[in-house]
C-alpha atoms as a PDB file:
ATOM      1  CA  MET A   1     -56.687  13.301  36.179  1.00  0.00           C
ATOM      2  CA  ILE A   2     -60.054  14.979  35.640  1.00  0.00           C
ATOM      3  CA  TRP A   3     -60.457  18.046  37.829  1.00  0.00           C
ATOM      4  CA  MET A   4     -63.677  20.053  37.717  1.00  0.00           C
ATOM      5  CA  THR A   5     -63.695  23.380  39.465  1.00  0.00           C
ATOM      6  CA  ASN A   6     -66.860  25.428  39.855  1.00  0.00           C
ATOM      7  CA  VAL A   7     -68.920  22.355  39.040  1.00  0.00           C
ATOM      8  CA  CYS A   8     -71.892  23.595  41.005  1.00  0.00           C
ATOM      9  CA  LYS A   9     -72.870  26.811  42.721  1.00  0.00           C
ATOM     10  CA  GLY A  10     -72.869  27.638  46.399  1.00  0.00           C
ATOM     11  CA  ASP A  11     -70.969  24.740  47.919  1.00  0.00           C
ATOM     12  CA  ARG A  12     -67.264  24.602  48.590  1.00  0.00           C
ATOM     13  CA  LEU A  13     -67.169  20.827  48.418  1.00  0.00           C
ATOM     14  CA  LEU A  14     -68.749  20.779  44.982  1.00  0.00           C
ATOM     15  CA  LYS A  15     -66.542  23.582  43.682  1.00  0.00           C
ATOM     16  CA  SER A  16     -63.291  21.946  44.686  1.00  0.00           C
ATOM     17  CA  VAL A  17     -63.432  18.509  43.056  1.00  0.00           C
ATOM     18  CA  ILE A  18     -65.808  15.810  41.856  1.00  0.00           C
ATOM     19  CA  VAL A  19     -65.594  13.091  44.478  1.00  0.00           C
ATOM     20  CA  ILE A  20     -67.648  10.256  45.860  1.00  0.00           C
ATOM     21  CA  VAL A  21     -67.339   7.881  48.709  1.00  0.00           C
ATOM     22  CA  MET A  22     -68.682   4.706  47.214  1.00  0.00           C
ATOM     23  CA  GLY A  23     -65.775   3.167  45.374  1.00  0.00           C
ATOM     24  CA  ILE A  24     -62.311   3.546  46.811  1.00  0.00           C
ATOM     25  CA  LEU A  25     -61.509  -0.033  45.902  1.00  0.00           C
ATOM     26  CA  GLY A  26     -64.749  -1.406  44.394  1.00  0.00           C
ATOM     27  CA  LEU A  27     -64.941  -4.131  41.790  1.00  0.00           C
ATOM     28  CA  THR A  28     -65.826  -3.138  38.251  1.00  0.00           C
ATOM     29  CA  ALA A  29     -69.215  -4.098  36.892  1.00  0.00           C
ATOM     30  CA  CYS A  30     -67.864  -4.961  33.437  1.00  0.00           C
ATOM     31  CA  SER A  31     -64.508  -6.600  34.221  1.00  0.00           C
ATOM     32  CA  SER A  32     -63.430  -9.581  36.278  1.00  0.00           C
ATOM     33  CA  GLU A  33     -60.123  -7.912  37.117  1.00  0.00           C
ATOM     34  CA  PRO A  34     -59.753  -6.732  40.717  1.00  0.00           C
ATOM     35  CA  ALA A  35     -59.561  -3.025  41.455  1.00  0.00           C
ATOM     36  CA  ARG A  36     -56.032  -1.730  41.965  1.00  0.00           C
ATOM     37  CA  LEU A  37     -54.066   1.495  42.044  1.00  0.00           C
ATOM     38  CA  GLN A  38     -52.332   2.448  38.824  1.00  0.00           C
ATOM     39  CA  GLN A  39     -48.608   1.745  38.871  1.00  0.00           C
ATOM     40  CA  GLY A  40     -45.546   3.201  37.181  1.00  0.00           C
ATOM     41  CA  PRO A  41     -44.488   6.658  36.020  1.00  0.00           C
ATOM     42  CA  ASP A  42     -47.632   7.179  33.960  1.00  0.00           C
ATOM     43  CA  ALA A  43     -50.036   6.610  36.857  1.00  0.00           C
ATOM     44  CA  GLU A  44     -52.629   9.380  37.153  1.00  0.00           C
ATOM     45  CA  MET A  45     -52.253  11.295  40.397  1.00  0.00           C
ATOM     46  CA  THR A  46     -54.180  14.168  41.952  1.00  0.00           C
ATOM     47  CA  LYS A  47     -52.584  17.286  43.397  1.00  0.00           C
ATOM     48  CA  ASP A  48     -53.011  15.859  46.898  1.00  0.00           C
ATOM     49  CA  GLY A  49     -51.235  12.587  46.136  1.00  0.00           C
ATOM     50  CA  LEU A  50     -54.130  10.250  45.353  1.00  0.00           C
ATOM     51  CA  VAL A  51     -53.647   7.649  42.630  1.00  0.00           C
ATOM     52  CA  LYS A  52     -56.307   6.542  40.157  1.00  0.00           C
ATOM     53  CA  VAL A  53     -57.973   3.187  40.857  1.00  0.00           C
ATOM     54  CA  GLU A  54     -58.155   0.928  37.810  1.00  0.00           C
ATOM     55  CA  HIS A  55     -61.184  -1.329  37.256  1.00  0.00           C
ATOM     56  CA  SER A  56     -63.225   0.643  39.767  1.00  0.00           C
ATOM     57  CA  LYS A  57     -66.952   0.106  39.806  1.00  0.00           C
ATOM     58  CA  LEU A  58     -67.472   3.871  39.694  1.00  0.00           C
ATOM     59  CA  ASP A  59     -66.817   6.437  37.012  1.00  0.00           C
ATOM     60  CA  LEU A  60     -63.815   7.895  38.841  1.00  0.00           C
ATOM     61  CA  SER A  61     -61.949   6.599  41.897  1.00  0.00           C
ATOM     62  CA  TYR A  62     -58.711   7.791  43.487  1.00  0.00           C
ATOM     63  CA  ALA A  63     -57.056   6.553  46.682  1.00  0.00           C
ATOM     64  CA  ARG A  64     -53.927   7.247  48.694  1.00  0.00           C
ATOM     65  CA  PRO A  65     -51.273   4.534  48.415  1.00  0.00           C
ATOM     66  CA  ASP A  66     -50.134   2.530  51.455  1.00  0.00           C
ATOM     67  CA  VAL A  67     -53.193   3.228  53.606  1.00  0.00           C
ATOM     68  CA  ASN A  68     -53.839   0.701  56.359  1.00  0.00           C
ATOM     69  CA  TRP A  69     -57.568   0.382  55.747  1.00  0.00           C
ATOM     70  CA  ALA A  70     -57.858  -2.450  58.268  1.00  0.00           C
ATOM     71  CA  LYS A  71     -57.388  -0.070  61.194  1.00  0.00           C
ATOM     72  CA  TYR A  72     -60.574   1.840  60.393  1.00  0.00           C
ATOM     73  CA  THR A  73     -63.422   0.210  62.292  1.00  0.00           C
ATOM     74  CA  LYS A  74     -65.683   3.252  62.694  1.00  0.00           C
ATOM     75  CA  LEU A  75     -67.503   5.450  60.188  1.00  0.00           C
ATOM     76  CA  TYR A  76     -68.772   8.995  60.551  1.00  0.00           C
ATOM     77  CA  PHE A  77     -71.042  10.235  57.761  1.00  0.00           C
ATOM     78  CA  GLU A  78     -71.453  13.989  57.505  1.00  0.00           C
ATOM     79  CA  PRO A  79     -75.048  14.987  56.661  1.00  0.00           C
ATOM     80  CA  VAL A  80     -75.420  14.494  52.926  1.00  0.00           C
ATOM     81  CA  LYS A  81     -76.038  17.633  50.911  1.00  0.00           C
ATOM     82  CA  VAL A  82     -78.591  17.292  48.104  1.00  0.00           C
ATOM     83  CA  THR A  83     -78.939  20.185  45.669  1.00  0.00           C
ATOM     84  CA  ASN A  84     -80.420  21.192  42.322  1.00  0.00           C
ATOM     85  CA  ASP A  85     -77.009  22.449  41.186  1.00  0.00           C
ATOM     86  CA  HIS A  86     -75.659  21.533  37.749  1.00  0.00           C
ATOM     87  CA  PRO A  87     -72.377  22.008  35.852  1.00  0.00           C
ATOM     88  CA  ALA A  88     -71.928  25.371  34.184  1.00  0.00           C
ATOM     89  CA  ASP A  89     -72.484  23.854  30.715  1.00  0.00           C
ATOM     90  CA  TYR A  90     -75.702  22.078  31.678  1.00  0.00           C
ATOM     91  CA  GLN A  91     -78.586  22.625  29.271  1.00  0.00           C
ATOM     92  CA  PRO A  92     -81.958  21.930  30.927  1.00  0.00           C
ATOM     93  CA  PRO A  93     -84.488  19.971  28.877  1.00  0.00           C
ATOM     94  CA  LYS A  94     -87.005  22.023  26.957  1.00  0.00           C
ATOM     95  CA  ILE A  95     -90.496  21.977  28.412  1.00  0.00           C
ATOM     96  CA  ASP A  96     -93.429  21.453  26.085  1.00  0.00           C
ATOM     97  CA  LYS A  97     -95.820  23.983  27.585  1.00  0.00           C
ATOM     98  CA  ARG A  98     -98.704  22.658  25.521  1.00  0.00           C
ATOM     99  CA  ALA A  99     -98.256  19.076  26.764  1.00  0.00           C
ATOM    100  CA  ASP A 100     -96.722  19.636  30.211  1.00  0.00           C
ATOM    101  CA  GLY A 101     -98.287  22.959  31.162  1.00  0.00           C
ATOM    102  CA  LEU A 102     -96.992  26.403  32.077  1.00  0.00           C
ATOM    103  CA  ASN A 103     -95.843  25.366  35.557  1.00  0.00           C
ATOM    104  CA  ALA A 104     -93.840  22.277  34.590  1.00  0.00           C
ATOM    105  CA  THR A 105     -90.340  22.175  36.059  1.00  0.00           C
ATOM    106  CA  TYR A 106     -87.396  19.804  36.367  1.00  0.00           C
ATOM    107  CA  GLU A 107     -86.206  21.400  39.625  1.00  0.00           C
ATOM    108  CA  LEU A 108     -86.981  19.560  42.862  1.00  0.00           C
ATOM    109  CA  PRO A 109     -88.461  21.589  45.735  1.00  0.00           C
ATOM    110  CA  GLN A 110     -86.512  21.927  48.962  1.00  0.00           C
ATOM    111  CA  GLU A 111     -88.722  19.434  50.787  1.00  0.00           C
ATOM    112  CA  ALA A 112     -87.825  16.774  48.203  1.00  0.00           C
ATOM    113  CA  LEU A 113     -84.119  17.547  48.526  1.00  0.00           C
ATOM    114  CA  THR A 114     -84.382  17.268  52.314  1.00  0.00           C
ATOM    115  CA  LYS A 115     -86.209  13.962  51.996  1.00  0.00           C
ATOM    116  CA  MET A 116     -83.456  12.642  49.726  1.00  0.00           C
ATOM    117  CA  SER A 117     -80.818  13.624  52.272  1.00  0.00           C
ATOM    118  CA  GLU A 118     -82.711  11.893  55.055  1.00  0.00           C
ATOM    119  CA  GLN A 119     -83.165   8.766  52.940  1.00  0.00           C
ATOM    120  CA  PHE A 120     -79.426   8.547  52.329  1.00  0.00           C
ATOM    121  CA  SER A 121     -78.839   8.503  56.091  1.00  0.00           C
ATOM    122  CA  LEU A 122     -81.486   5.794  56.498  1.00  0.00           C
ATOM    123  CA  THR A 123     -79.846   3.687  53.795  1.00  0.00           C
ATOM    124  CA  VAL A 124     -76.465   4.010  55.507  1.00  0.00           C
ATOM    125  CA  LYS A 125     -77.976   2.747  58.783  1.00  0.00           C
ATOM    126  CA  GLU A 126     -79.688  -0.143  57.008  1.00  0.00           C
ATOM    127  CA  VAL A 127     -76.521  -1.279  55.227  1.00  0.00           C
ATOM    128  CA  PHE A 128     -74.102  -0.727  58.105  1.00  0.00           C
ATOM    129  CA  ASN A 129     -76.137  -2.707  60.614  1.00  0.00           C
ATOM    130  CA  ALA A 130     -75.038  -4.930  63.497  1.00  0.00           C
ATOM    131  CA  GLU A 131     -74.287  -7.807  61.123  1.00  0.00           C
ATOM    132  CA  GLN A 132     -71.193  -6.145  59.619  1.00  0.00           C
ATOM    133  CA  PRO A 133     -67.858  -5.122  61.212  1.00  0.00           C
ATOM    134  CA  PHE A 134     -68.109  -1.320  61.059  1.00  0.00           C
ATOM    135  CA  GLU A 135     -69.558   0.944  63.744  1.00  0.00           C
ATOM    136  CA  LEU A 136     -71.401   4.148  62.881  1.00  0.00           C
ATOM    137  CA  VAL A 137     -70.417   6.935  65.273  1.00  0.00           C
ATOM    138  CA  ALA A 138     -71.901  10.363  66.026  1.00  0.00           C
ATOM    139  CA  GLN A 139     -68.565  12.169  65.805  1.00  0.00           C
ATOM    140  CA  PRO A 140     -65.044  11.388  64.541  1.00  0.00           C
ATOM    141  CA  GLU A 141     -62.980   9.202  66.870  1.00  0.00           C
ATOM    142  CA  PRO A 142     -59.660   7.323  66.573  1.00  0.00           C
ATOM    143  CA  ASN A 143     -59.727   4.739  63.766  1.00  0.00           C
ATOM    144  CA  THR A 144     -62.643   6.556  62.125  1.00  0.00           C
ATOM    145  CA  LEU A 145     -63.266   7.313  58.474  1.00  0.00           C
ATOM    146  CA  VAL A 146     -65.097  10.586  57.851  1.00  0.00           C
ATOM    147  CA  ILE A 147     -67.291  10.571  54.759  1.00  0.00           C
ATOM    148  CA  GLU A 148     -68.384  13.887  53.245  1.00  0.00           C
ATOM    149  CA  ALA A 149     -70.896  13.350  50.463  1.00  0.00           C
ATOM    150  CA  ALA A 150     -73.234  15.314  48.242  1.00  0.00           C
ATOM    151  CA  VAL A 151     -75.894  14.394  45.700  1.00  0.00           C
ATOM    152  CA  THR A 152     -76.137  16.887  42.868  1.00  0.00           C
ATOM    153  CA  ASP A 153     -76.753  17.386  39.142  1.00  0.00           C
ATOM    154  CA  ILE A 154     -80.114  15.602  39.412  1.00  0.00           C
ATOM    155  CA  ARG A 155     -81.524  15.111  35.921  1.00  0.00           C
ATOM    156  CA  LEU A 156     -85.152  13.999  35.759  1.00  0.00           C
ATOM    157  CA  SER A 157     -86.482  12.173  32.705  1.00  0.00           C
ATOM    158  CA  ALA A 158     -89.746  14.139  32.889  1.00  0.00           C
ATOM    159  CA  PRO A 159     -90.912  17.290  34.645  1.00  0.00           C
ATOM    160  CA  LEU A 160     -91.772  16.933  38.317  1.00  0.00           C
ATOM    161  CA  GLU A 161     -95.036  15.003  38.529  1.00  0.00           C
ATOM    162  CA  SER A 162     -96.877  17.577  40.657  1.00  0.00           C
ATOM    163  CA  SER A 163     -95.926  20.343  38.209  1.00  0.00           C
ATOM    164  CA  ARG A 164     -97.245  18.628  35.084  1.00  0.00           C
ATOM    165  CA  ARG A 165    -100.583  19.407  33.513  1.00  0.00           C
ATOM    166  CA  SER A 166    -101.281  15.656  33.459  1.00  0.00           C
ATOM    167  CA  PHE A 167    -101.107  15.565  37.272  1.00  0.00           C
ATOM    168  CA  SER A 168    -104.402  17.444  37.569  1.00  0.00           C
ATOM    169  CA  SER A 169    -105.983  16.086  34.378  1.00  0.00           C
ATOM    170  CA  MET A 170    -105.405  12.401  35.198  1.00  0.00           C
ATOM    171  CA  GLY A 171    -103.096  12.028  32.186  1.00  0.00           C
ATOM    172  CA  ARG A 172    -100.021   9.791  32.190  1.00  0.00           C
ATOM    173  CA  THR A 173     -96.350  10.254  31.345  1.00  0.00           C
ATOM    174  CA  TYR A 174     -94.106   7.302  30.453  1.00  0.00           C
ATOM    175  CA  THR A 175     -90.300   7.263  30.498  1.00  0.00           C
ATOM    176  CA  GLU A 176     -87.600   4.598  30.148  1.00  0.00           C
ATOM    177  CA  ASN A 177     -86.103   5.554  33.532  1.00  0.00           C
ATOM    178  CA  SER A 178     -86.578   8.187  36.196  1.00  0.00           C
ATOM    179  CA  GLY A 179     -83.352  10.044  35.421  1.00  0.00           C
ATOM    180  CA  SER A 180     -79.924  10.183  37.031  1.00  0.00           C
ATOM    181  CA  MET A 181     -77.938  11.910  39.766  1.00  0.00           C
ATOM    182  CA  MET A 182     -74.314  12.435  40.706  1.00  0.00           C
ATOM    183  CA  LEU A 183     -72.996  11.401  44.092  1.00  0.00           C
ATOM    184  CA  LEU A 184     -69.913  13.350  45.215  1.00  0.00           C
ATOM    185  CA  ALA A 185     -67.813  12.691  48.310  1.00  0.00           C
ATOM    186  CA  VAL A 186     -64.435  12.541  49.956  1.00  0.00           C
ATOM    187  CA  ILE A 187     -63.070  10.129  52.587  1.00  0.00           C
ATOM    188  CA  LYS A 188     -60.820  11.468  55.341  1.00  0.00           C
ATOM    189  CA  ASP A 189     -58.956  10.204  58.373  1.00  0.00           C
ATOM    190  CA  GLY A 190     -61.008  11.146  61.413  1.00  0.00           C
ATOM    191  CA  GLU A 191     -58.007  12.231  63.507  1.00  0.00           C
ATOM    192  CA  THR A 192     -55.733  13.988  61.024  1.00  0.00           C
ATOM    193  CA  GLY A 193     -58.235  15.116  58.390  1.00  0.00           C
ATOM    194  CA  GLU A 194     -55.976  13.669  55.694  1.00  0.00           C
ATOM    195  CA  VAL A 195     -57.835  12.905  52.479  1.00  0.00           C
ATOM    196  CA  LEU A 196     -57.623   9.167  51.807  1.00  0.00           C
ATOM    197  CA  ALA A 197     -59.874   8.689  48.786  1.00  0.00           C
ATOM    198  CA  LYS A 198     -62.051  10.472  46.252  1.00  0.00           C
ATOM    199  CA  ALA A 199     -64.340   9.247  43.523  1.00  0.00           C
ATOM    200  CA  ALA A 200     -67.321  10.191  41.350  1.00  0.00           C
ATOM    201  CA  ASP A 201     -70.241   8.268  39.927  1.00  0.00           C
ATOM    202  CA  ARG A 202     -73.482   8.986  38.107  1.00  0.00           C
ATOM    203  CA  GLY A 203     -76.219   6.600  39.117  1.00  0.00           C
ATOM    204  CA  GLN A 204     -79.636   5.782  37.710  1.00  0.00           C
ATOM    205  CA  GLY A 205     -82.261   3.115  38.116  1.00  0.00           C
ATOM    206  CA  PHE A 206     -82.950   0.285  35.709  1.00  0.00           C
ATOM    207  CA  ASN A 207     -84.027   1.081  32.166  1.00  0.00           C
ATOM    208  CA  GLN A 208     -87.603  -0.098  31.957  1.00  0.00           C
ATOM    209  CA  TRP A 209     -90.448   1.804  30.372  1.00  0.00           C
ATOM    210  CA  SER A 210     -92.969   2.689  33.038  1.00  0.00           C
ATOM    211  CA  GLN A 211     -95.327   5.407  34.112  1.00  0.00           C
ATOM    212  CA  ASN A 212     -93.263   8.259  35.508  1.00  0.00           C
ATOM    213  CA  THR A 213     -94.620   9.011  38.963  1.00  0.00           C
ATOM    214  CA  GLN A 214     -93.269  10.206  42.278  1.00  0.00           C
ATOM    215  CA  VAL A 215     -93.449   6.635  43.609  1.00  0.00           C
ATOM    216  CA  PHE A 216     -91.575   5.315  40.552  1.00  0.00           C
ATOM    217  CA  ASN A 217     -88.853   7.930  40.918  1.00  0.00           C
ATOM    218  CA  TRP A 218     -88.514   7.467  44.674  1.00  0.00           C
ATOM    219  CA  GLY A 219     -88.024   3.740  44.239  1.00  0.00           C
ATOM    220  CA  ASP A 220     -85.122   4.427  41.899  1.00  0.00           C
ATOM    221  CA  VAL A 221     -83.548   6.844  44.392  1.00  0.00           C
ATOM    222  CA  LYS A 222     -83.541   4.173  47.089  1.00  0.00           C
ATOM    223  CA  THR A 223     -82.193   1.563  44.662  1.00  0.00           C
ATOM    224  CA  VAL A 224     -79.261   3.770  43.641  1.00  0.00           C
ATOM    225  CA  TYR A 225     -78.512   4.732  47.236  1.00  0.00           C
ATOM    226  CA  ARG A 226     -78.438   1.105  48.345  1.00  0.00           C
ATOM    227  CA  ARG A 227     -76.112   0.130  45.502  1.00  0.00           C
ATOM    228  CA  TRP A 228     -73.713   2.969  46.306  1.00  0.00           C
ATOM    229  CA  VAL A 229     -73.595   2.251  50.037  1.00  0.00           C
ATOM    230  CA  ASN A 230     -73.270  -1.505  49.524  1.00  0.00           C
ATOM    231  CA  ASP A 231     -70.404  -0.896  47.102  1.00  0.00           C
ATOM    232  CA  PHE A 232     -68.699   1.225  49.744  1.00  0.00           C
ATOM    233  CA  LYS A 233     -69.162  -1.392  52.455  1.00  0.00           C
ATOM    234  CA  ASN A 234     -67.800  -4.161  50.241  1.00  0.00           C
ATOM    235  CA  ALA A 235     -64.889  -1.970  49.162  1.00  0.00           C
ATOM    236  CA  LEU A 236     -63.925  -1.292  52.786  1.00  0.00           C
ATOM    237  CA  MET A 237     -64.113  -4.973  53.675  1.00  0.00           C
ATOM    238  CA  ASN A 238     -62.001  -5.963  50.656  1.00  0.00           C
ATOM    239  CA  ALA A 239     -59.438  -3.223  51.311  1.00  0.00           C
ATOM    240  CA  GLY A 240     -59.139  -4.146  54.982  1.00  0.00           C
ATOM    241  CA  ALA A 241     -58.564  -7.799  54.106  1.00  0.00           C
ATOM    242  CA  GLU A 242     -55.571  -7.084  51.863  1.00  0.00           C
END
């Protein structure tokens, strides 16, 4: 089991364990084998009794055995926390002050973090629409899954566009992708608060050389969000059908 304490500053959720909602029982992207809990005496298990999911689509996935996923018909998403926090051993990229300017930074301003949080909520509403079997609720109820999530360790491929010297001089910056971010979360039973699943995944957009702009980066954010939330929806539907 990989435990990471004090991963990021200032948030109890992030300090306790790397987790993410999007893959309790997802299918792996590189294997045709179905996702399943590890079996036998050598199965990896967390301190709270969750077992590692093999062939998960995400980097790390753990789930509680013998959960009746079919009974959960409602979902309550806590507001997603988006931060500039990084692991303690994170080394920020060096900034070329001659090329990028004295004010170049890789840290997103608060308004951008807020916008990312709001976009995650919008993506959830778009994916969990009236055409699928789950109901989004405003507070935990019976037969509800509570999802606590956070987006953190955001690593841009280039300094923030508005902070670069090229932004005011009409220059251009090209990168292979916009960067990456870590989505962390935990899934709980809405009545008991029991932790049912945890996972972790680092997501990024497609690798394709392009001009690095705010529009380019924002498109990748929405693409990664949609993939994560769709993976979660499909995982719930598959788990409930077993």
